[in-house]
């Protein structure tokens, strides 16, 4: 397999690993990929506040209604 750590392609600093998923043959399969760069001097820098505003973060998603609750 590959390395456990990822580097930013622009500045070379280590970045976190995040889990994305894709669907294949009807099943969701996890894929570990490089996360956003947090180096403020890097061109690929992603501000954590801006990331939450654009809806790409888990916290930005509204909760799903449970069983028996109207959707």
PDB file of N, CA and C in Angstrom:
ATOM      1  N   UNK A   1       0.847  -1.177   0.000  1.00  0.00           N
ATOM      2  CA  UNK A   1       0.000   0.000   0.000  1.00  0.00           C
ATOM      3  C   UNK A   1       0.890   1.237   0.000  1.00  0.00           C
ATOM      4  N   UNK A   2       0.342   2.366   0.398  1.00  0.00           N
ATOM      5  CA  UNK A   2       1.087   3.620   0.362  1.00  0.00           C
ATOM      6  C   UNK A   2       1.554   4.039   1.740  1.00  0.00           C
ATOM      7  N   UNK A   3       1.981   5.274   1.789  1.00  0.00           N
ATOM      8  CA  UNK A   3       2.420   5.843   3.063  1.00  0.00           C
ATOM      9  C   UNK A   3       1.224   6.188   3.931  1.00  0.00           C
ATOM     10  N   UNK A   4       1.466   6.327   5.224  1.00  0.00           N
ATOM     11  CA  UNK A   4       0.403   6.708   6.140  1.00  0.00           C
ATOM     12  C   UNK A   4       0.226   8.225   6.199  1.00  0.00           C
ATOM     13  N   UNK A   5       1.225   8.991   5.747  1.00  0.00           N
ATOM     14  CA  UNK A   5       1.179  10.446   5.801  1.00  0.00           C
ATOM     15  C   UNK A   5       1.137  11.022   4.399  1.00  0.00           C
ATOM     16  N   UNK A   6       0.496  12.193   4.280  1.00  0.00           N
ATOM     17  CA  UNK A   6       0.408  12.884   3.007  1.00  0.00           C
ATOM     18  C   UNK A   6       1.102  14.231   3.132  1.00  0.00           C
ATOM     19  N   UNK A   7       1.584  14.753   2.014  1.00  0.00           N
ATOM     20  CA  UNK A   7       2.211  16.067   1.970  1.00  0.00           C
ATOM     21  C   UNK A   7       1.439  16.965   1.028  1.00  0.00           C
ATOM     22  N   UNK A   8       1.469  18.268   1.308  1.00  0.00           N
ATOM     23  CA  UNK A   8       0.842  19.248   0.431  1.00  0.00           C
ATOM     24  C   UNK A   8       1.619  19.276  -0.886  1.00  0.00           C
ATOM     25  N   UNK A   9       0.946  19.204  -2.027  1.00  0.00           N
ATOM     26  CA  UNK A   9       1.655  19.209  -3.308  1.00  0.00           C
ATOM     27  C   UNK A   9       2.306  20.548  -3.626  1.00  0.00           C
ATOM     28  N   UNK A  10       1.888  21.638  -2.970  1.00  0.00           N
ATOM     29  CA  UNK A  10       2.430  22.965  -3.258  1.00  0.00           C
ATOM     30  C   UNK A  10       3.645  23.279  -2.381  1.00  0.00           C
ATOM     31  N   UNK A  11       3.479  23.147  -1.035  1.00  0.00           N
ATOM     32  CA  UNK A  11       4.561  23.558  -0.139  1.00  0.00           C
ATOM     33  C   UNK A  11       5.335  22.391   0.469  1.00  0.00           C
ATOM     34  N   UNK A  12       4.801  21.173   0.388  1.00  0.00           N
ATOM     35  CA  UNK A  12       5.504  20.009   0.906  1.00  0.00           C
ATOM     36  C   UNK A  12       5.310  19.749   2.388  1.00  0.00           C
ATOM     37  N   UNK A  13       4.521  20.583   3.081  1.00  0.00           N
ATOM     38  CA  UNK A  13       4.266  20.382   4.504  1.00  0.00           C
ATOM     39  C   UNK A  13       3.347  19.177   4.697  1.00  0.00           C
ATOM     40  N   UNK A  14       3.494  18.465   5.806  1.00  0.00           N
ATOM     41  CA  UNK A  14       2.575  17.345   6.075  1.00  0.00           C
ATOM     42  C   UNK A  14       1.147  17.856   6.276  1.00  0.00           C
ATOM     43  N   UNK A  15       0.174  17.127   5.773  1.00  0.00           N
ATOM     44  CA  UNK A  15      -1.242  17.460   5.957  1.00  0.00           C
ATOM     45  C   UNK A  15      -1.945  16.259   6.583  1.00  0.00           C
ATOM     46  N   UNK A  16      -3.112  16.506   7.136  1.00  0.00           N
ATOM     47  CA  UNK A  16      -3.864  15.426   7.763  1.00  0.00           C
ATOM     48  C   UNK A  16      -4.437  14.496   6.704  1.00  0.00           C
ATOM     49  N   UNK A  17      -4.801  13.321   7.128  1.00  0.00           N
ATOM     50  CA  UNK A  17      -5.449  12.359   6.243  1.00  0.00           C
ATOM     51  C   UNK A  17      -6.940  12.389   6.535  1.00  0.00           C
ATOM     52  N   UNK A  18      -7.750  12.515   5.496  1.00  0.00           N
ATOM     53  CA  UNK A  18      -9.195  12.528   5.654  1.00  0.00           C
ATOM     54  C   UNK A  18      -9.786  11.362   4.871  1.00  0.00           C
ATOM     55  N   UNK A  19     -10.976  10.965   5.259  1.00  0.00           N
ATOM     56  CA  UNK A  19     -11.641   9.844   4.606  1.00  0.00           C
ATOM     57  C   UNK A  19     -12.716  10.380   3.663  1.00  0.00           C
ATOM     58  N   UNK A  20     -12.610  10.040   2.425  1.00  0.00           N
ATOM     59  CA  UNK A  20     -13.651  10.316   1.442  1.00  0.00           C
ATOM     60  C   UNK A  20     -14.269   8.963   1.110  1.00  0.00           C
ATOM     61  N   UNK A  21     -15.399   8.968   0.478  1.00  0.00           N
ATOM     62  CA  UNK A  21     -15.988   7.685   0.120  1.00  0.00           C
ATOM     63  C   UNK A  21     -16.545   7.764  -1.293  1.00  0.00           C
ATOM     64  N   UNK A  22     -16.583   6.620  -1.919  1.00  0.00           N
ATOM     65  CA  UNK A  22     -17.136   6.536  -3.264  1.00  0.00           C
ATOM     66  C   UNK A  22     -17.940   5.255  -3.361  1.00  0.00           C
ATOM     67  N   UNK A  23     -18.875   5.253  -4.281  1.00  0.00           N
ATOM     68  CA  UNK A  23     -19.757   4.109  -4.407  1.00  0.00           C
ATOM     69  C   UNK A  23     -19.289   3.226  -5.553  1.00  0.00           C
ATOM     70  N   UNK A  24     -19.153   1.946  -5.288  1.00  0.00           N
ATOM     71  CA  UNK A  24     -18.782   0.984  -6.316  1.00  0.00           C
ATOM     72  C   UNK A  24     -19.580  -0.292  -6.104  1.00  0.00           C
ATOM     73  N   UNK A  25     -20.189  -0.762  -7.133  1.00  0.00           N
ATOM     74  CA  UNK A  25     -21.014  -1.972  -7.091  1.00  0.00           C
ATOM     75  C   UNK A  25     -22.065  -1.913  -5.983  1.00  0.00           C
ATOM     76  N   UNK A  26     -22.618  -0.717  -5.757  1.00  0.00           N
ATOM     77  CA  UNK A  26     -23.692  -0.556  -4.786  1.00  0.00           C
ATOM     78  C   UNK A  26     -23.249  -0.430  -3.341  1.00  0.00           C
ATOM     79  N   UNK A  27     -21.955  -0.381  -3.086  1.00  0.00           N
ATOM     80  CA  UNK A  27     -21.459  -0.264  -1.715  1.00  0.00           C
ATOM     81  C   UNK A  27     -20.567   0.970  -1.603  1.00  0.00           C
ATOM     82  N   UNK A  28     -20.661   1.663  -0.477  1.00  0.00           N
ATOM     83  CA  UNK A  28     -19.790   2.800  -0.229  1.00  0.00           C
ATOM     84  C   UNK A  28     -18.447   2.286   0.271  1.00  0.00           C
ATOM     85  N   UNK A  29     -17.367   2.753  -0.360  1.00  0.00           N
ATOM     86  CA  UNK A  29     -16.023   2.296  -0.050  1.00  0.00           C
ATOM     87  C   UNK A  29     -15.195   3.487   0.434  1.00  0.00           C
ATOM     88  N   UNK A  30     -14.494   3.362   1.584  1.00  0.00           N
ATOM     89  CA  UNK A  30     -13.680   4.480   2.061  1.00  0.00           C
ATOM     90  C   UNK A  30     -12.397   4.628   1.250  1.00  0.00           C
ATOM     91  N   UNK A  31     -11.954   5.876   1.123  1.00  0.00           N
ATOM     92  CA  UNK A  31     -10.690   6.168   0.450  1.00  0.00           C
ATOM     93  C   UNK A  31      -9.992   7.243   1.269  1.00  0.00           C
ATOM     94  N   UNK A  32      -8.804   6.946   1.771  1.00  0.00           N
ATOM     95  CA  UNK A  32      -8.053   7.883   2.570  1.00  0.00           C
ATOM     96  C   UNK A  32      -7.234   8.761   1.638  1.00  0.00           C
ATOM     97  N   UNK A  33      -7.440  10.095   1.756  1.00  0.00           N
ATOM     98  CA  UNK A  33      -6.764  11.056   0.886  1.00  0.00           C
ATOM     99  C   UNK A  33      -6.160  12.173   1.730  1.00  0.00           C
ATOM    100  N   UNK A  34      -5.337  12.990   1.088  1.00  0.00           N
ATOM    101  CA  UNK A  34      -4.729  14.127   1.772  1.00  0.00           C
ATOM    102  C   UNK A  34      -5.793  15.167   2.085  1.00  0.00           C
ATOM    103  N   UNK A  35      -5.712  15.734   3.275  1.00  0.00           N
ATOM    104  CA  UNK A  35      -6.631  16.785   3.678  1.00  0.00           C
ATOM    105  C   UNK A  35      -6.146  18.145   3.215  1.00  0.00           C
ATOM    106  N   UNK A  36      -6.829  19.204   3.610  1.00  0.00           N
ATOM    107  CA  UNK A  36      -6.445  20.548   3.193  1.00  0.00           C
ATOM    108  C   UNK A  36      -5.166  21.012   3.884  1.00  0.00           C
ATOM    109  N   UNK A  37      -4.442  21.897   3.219  1.00  0.00           N
ATOM    110  CA  UNK A  37      -3.196  22.442   3.770  1.00  0.00           C
ATOM    111  C   UNK A  37      -3.527  23.506   4.807  1.00  0.00           C
ATOM    112  N   UNK A  38      -2.855  23.477   5.943  1.00  0.00           N
ATOM    113  CA  UNK A  38      -3.082  24.446   7.021  1.00  0.00           C
ATOM    114  C   UNK A  38      -1.908  25.411   7.177  1.00  0.00           C
ATOM    115  N   UNK A  39      -0.948  25.396   6.237  1.00  0.00           N
ATOM    116  CA  UNK A  39       0.187  26.300   6.258  1.00  0.00           C
ATOM    117  C   UNK A  39      -0.268  27.647   5.706  1.00  0.00           C
ATOM    118  N   UNK A  40      -0.297  28.694   6.552  1.00  0.00           N
ATOM    119  CA  UNK A  40      -0.819  29.994   6.136  1.00  0.00           C
ATOM    120  C   UNK A  40       0.012  30.648   5.036  1.00  0.00           C
ATOM    121  N   UNK A  41       1.263  30.249   4.867  1.00  0.00           N
ATOM    122  CA  UNK A  41       2.117  30.825   3.824  1.00  0.00           C
ATOM    123  C   UNK A  41       1.966  30.092   2.488  1.00  0.00           C
ATOM    124  N   UNK A  42       1.184  29.033   2.436  1.00  0.00           N
ATOM    125  CA  UNK A  42       1.039  28.205   1.236  1.00  0.00           C
ATOM    126  C   UNK A  42      -0.078  28.739   0.335  1.00  0.00           C
ATOM    127  N   UNK A  43       0.082  28.587  -0.982  1.00  0.00           N
ATOM    128  CA  UNK A  43      -0.958  28.992  -1.929  1.00  0.00           C
ATOM    129  C   UNK A  43      -2.200  28.121  -1.813  1.00  0.00           C
ATOM    130  N   UNK A  44      -2.039  26.880  -1.371  1.00  0.00           N
ATOM    131  CA  UNK A  44      -3.157  25.946  -1.260  1.00  0.00           C
ATOM    132  C   UNK A  44      -3.817  25.982   0.124  1.00  0.00           C
ATOM    133  N   UNK A  45      -3.492  26.995   0.942  1.00  0.00           N
ATOM    134  CA  UNK A  45      -4.023  27.101   2.300  1.00  0.00           C
ATOM    135  C   UNK A  45      -5.546  27.187   2.279  1.00  0.00           C
ATOM    136  N   UNK A  46      -6.188  26.438   3.175  1.00  0.00           N
ATOM    137  CA  UNK A  46      -7.640  26.477   3.336  1.00  0.00           C
ATOM    138  C   UNK A  46      -7.926  26.891   4.774  1.00  0.00           C
ATOM    139  N   UNK A  47      -8.609  28.019   4.930  1.00  0.00           N
ATOM    140  CA  UNK A  47      -8.966  28.512   6.256  1.00  0.00           C
ATOM    141  C   UNK A  47     -10.059  27.620   6.842  1.00  0.00           C
ATOM    142  N   UNK A  48      -9.900  27.125   8.066  1.00  0.00           N
ATOM    143  CA  UNK A  48     -10.912  26.245   8.661  1.00  0.00           C
ATOM    144  C   UNK A  48     -12.291  26.906   8.732  1.00  0.00           C
ATOM    145  N   UNK A  49     -12.370  28.219   8.952  1.00  0.00           N
ATOM    146  CA  UNK A  49     -13.661  28.906   9.015  1.00  0.00           C
ATOM    147  C   UNK A  49     -14.325  28.926   7.638  1.00  0.00           C
ATOM    148  N   UNK A  50     -13.541  29.158   6.587  1.00  0.00           N
ATOM    149  CA  UNK A  50     -14.087  29.177   5.230  1.00  0.00           C
ATOM    150  C   UNK A  50     -14.539  27.783   4.812  1.00  0.00           C
ATOM    151  N   UNK A  51     -13.835  26.764   5.272  1.00  0.00           N
ATOM    152  CA  UNK A  51     -14.199  25.386   4.943  1.00  0.00           C
ATOM    153  C   UNK A  51     -15.552  25.032   5.543  1.00  0.00           C
ATOM    154  N   UNK A  52     -15.829  25.490   6.763  1.00  0.00           N
ATOM    155  CA  UNK A  52     -17.109  25.206   7.409  1.00  0.00           C
ATOM    156  C   UNK A  52     -18.246  25.979   6.735  1.00  0.00           C
ATOM    157  N   UNK A  53     -17.960  27.177   6.217  1.00  0.00           N
ATOM    158  CA  UNK A  53     -18.990  27.988   5.574  1.00  0.00           C
ATOM    159  C   UNK A  53     -19.442  27.414   4.239  1.00  0.00           C
ATOM    160  N   UNK A  54     -18.524  26.780   3.483  1.00  0.00           N
ATOM    161  CA  UNK A  54     -18.902  26.293   2.156  1.00  0.00           C
ATOM    162  C   UNK A  54     -19.625  24.957   2.204  1.00  0.00           C
ATOM    163  N   UNK A  55     -19.793  24.400   3.385  1.00  0.00           N
ATOM    164  CA  UNK A  55     -20.579  23.180   3.519  1.00  0.00           C
ATOM    165  C   UNK A  55     -19.804  21.902   3.313  1.00  0.00           C
ATOM    166  N   UNK A  56     -18.491  21.972   3.212  1.00  0.00           N
ATOM    167  CA  UNK A  56     -17.719  20.753   2.980  1.00  0.00           C
ATOM    168  C   UNK A  56     -17.406  20.014   4.277  1.00  0.00           C
ATOM    169  N   UNK A  57     -17.632  20.645   5.418  1.00  0.00           N
ATOM    170  CA  UNK A  57     -17.330  20.001   6.691  1.00  0.00           C
ATOM    171  C   UNK A  57     -18.513  19.231   7.240  1.00  0.00           C
ATOM    172  N   UNK A  58     -18.250  18.302   8.118  1.00  0.00           N
ATOM    173  CA  UNK A  58     -19.298  17.498   8.737  1.00  0.00           C
ATOM    174  C   UNK A  58     -20.206  18.371   9.589  1.00  0.00           C
ATOM    175  N   UNK A  59     -19.628  19.372  10.293  1.00  0.00           N
ATOM    176  CA  UNK A  59     -20.409  20.189  11.206  1.00  0.00           C
ATOM    177  C   UNK A  59     -21.420  21.062  10.469  1.00  0.00           C
ATOM    178  N   UNK A  60     -21.199  21.340   9.198  1.00  0.00           N
ATOM    179  CA  UNK A  60     -22.088  22.212   8.443  1.00  0.00           C
ATOM    180  C   UNK A  60     -23.354  21.491   7.976  1.00  0.00           C
ATOM    181  N   UNK A  61     -23.383  20.187   8.044  1.00  0.00           N
ATOM    182  CA  UNK A  61     -24.547  19.429   7.583  1.00  0.00           C
ATOM    183  C   UNK A  61     -25.665  19.466   8.609  1.00  0.00           C
ATOM    184  N   UNK A  62     -26.911  19.665   8.155  1.00  0.00           N
ATOM    185  CA  UNK A  62     -28.020  19.600   9.110  1.00  0.00           C
ATOM    186  C   UNK A  62     -28.262  18.154   9.537  1.00  0.00           C
ATOM    187  N   UNK A  63     -28.762  17.947  10.756  1.00  0.00           N
ATOM    188  CA  UNK A  63     -28.993  16.573  11.205  1.00  0.00           C
ATOM    189  C   UNK A  63     -30.107  15.915  10.402  1.00  0.00           C
ATOM    190  N   UNK A  64     -29.979  14.618  10.205  1.00  0.00           N
ATOM    191  CA  UNK A  64     -30.997  13.861   9.482  1.00  0.00           C
ATOM    192  C   UNK A  64     -32.141  13.537  10.436  1.00  0.00           C
ATOM    193  N   UNK A  65     -33.392  13.582   9.947  1.00  0.00           N
ATOM    194  CA  UNK A  65     -34.509  13.229  10.832  1.00  0.00           C
ATOM    195  C   UNK A  65     -34.467  11.737  11.160  1.00  0.00           C
ATOM    196  N   UNK A  66     -34.821  11.409  12.371  1.00  0.00           N
ATOM    197  CA  UNK A  66     -34.820  10.022  12.813  1.00  0.00           C
ATOM    198  C   UNK A  66     -36.096   9.305  12.383  1.00  0.00           C
ATOM    199  N   UNK A  67     -36.206   8.030  12.722  1.00  0.00           N
ATOM    200  CA  UNK A  67     -37.408   7.273  12.379  1.00  0.00           C
ATOM    201  C   UNK A  67     -38.636   7.866  13.073  1.00  0.00           C
ATOM    202  N   UNK A  68     -39.698   7.998  12.355  1.00  0.00           N
ATOM    203  CA  UNK A  68     -40.926   8.511  12.926  1.00  0.00           C
ATOM    204  C   UNK A  68     -41.014  10.021  12.946  1.00  0.00           C
ATOM    205  N   UNK A  69     -39.963  10.729  12.517  1.00  0.00           N
ATOM    206  CA  UNK A  69     -39.987  12.183  12.480  1.00  0.00           C
ATOM    207  C   UNK A  69     -40.237  12.636  11.050  1.00  0.00           C
ATOM    208  N   UNK A  70     -40.994  13.718  10.884  1.00  0.00           N
ATOM    209  CA  UNK A  70     -41.242  14.197   9.518  1.00  0.00           C
ATOM    210  C   UNK A  70     -39.951  14.703   8.895  1.00  0.00           C
ATOM    211  N   UNK A  71     -39.822  14.534   7.592  1.00  0.00           N
ATOM    212  CA  UNK A  71     -38.597  14.963   6.930  1.00  0.00           C
ATOM    213  C   UNK A  71     -38.704  16.339   6.349  1.00  0.00           C
TER     214      UNK A  71
END
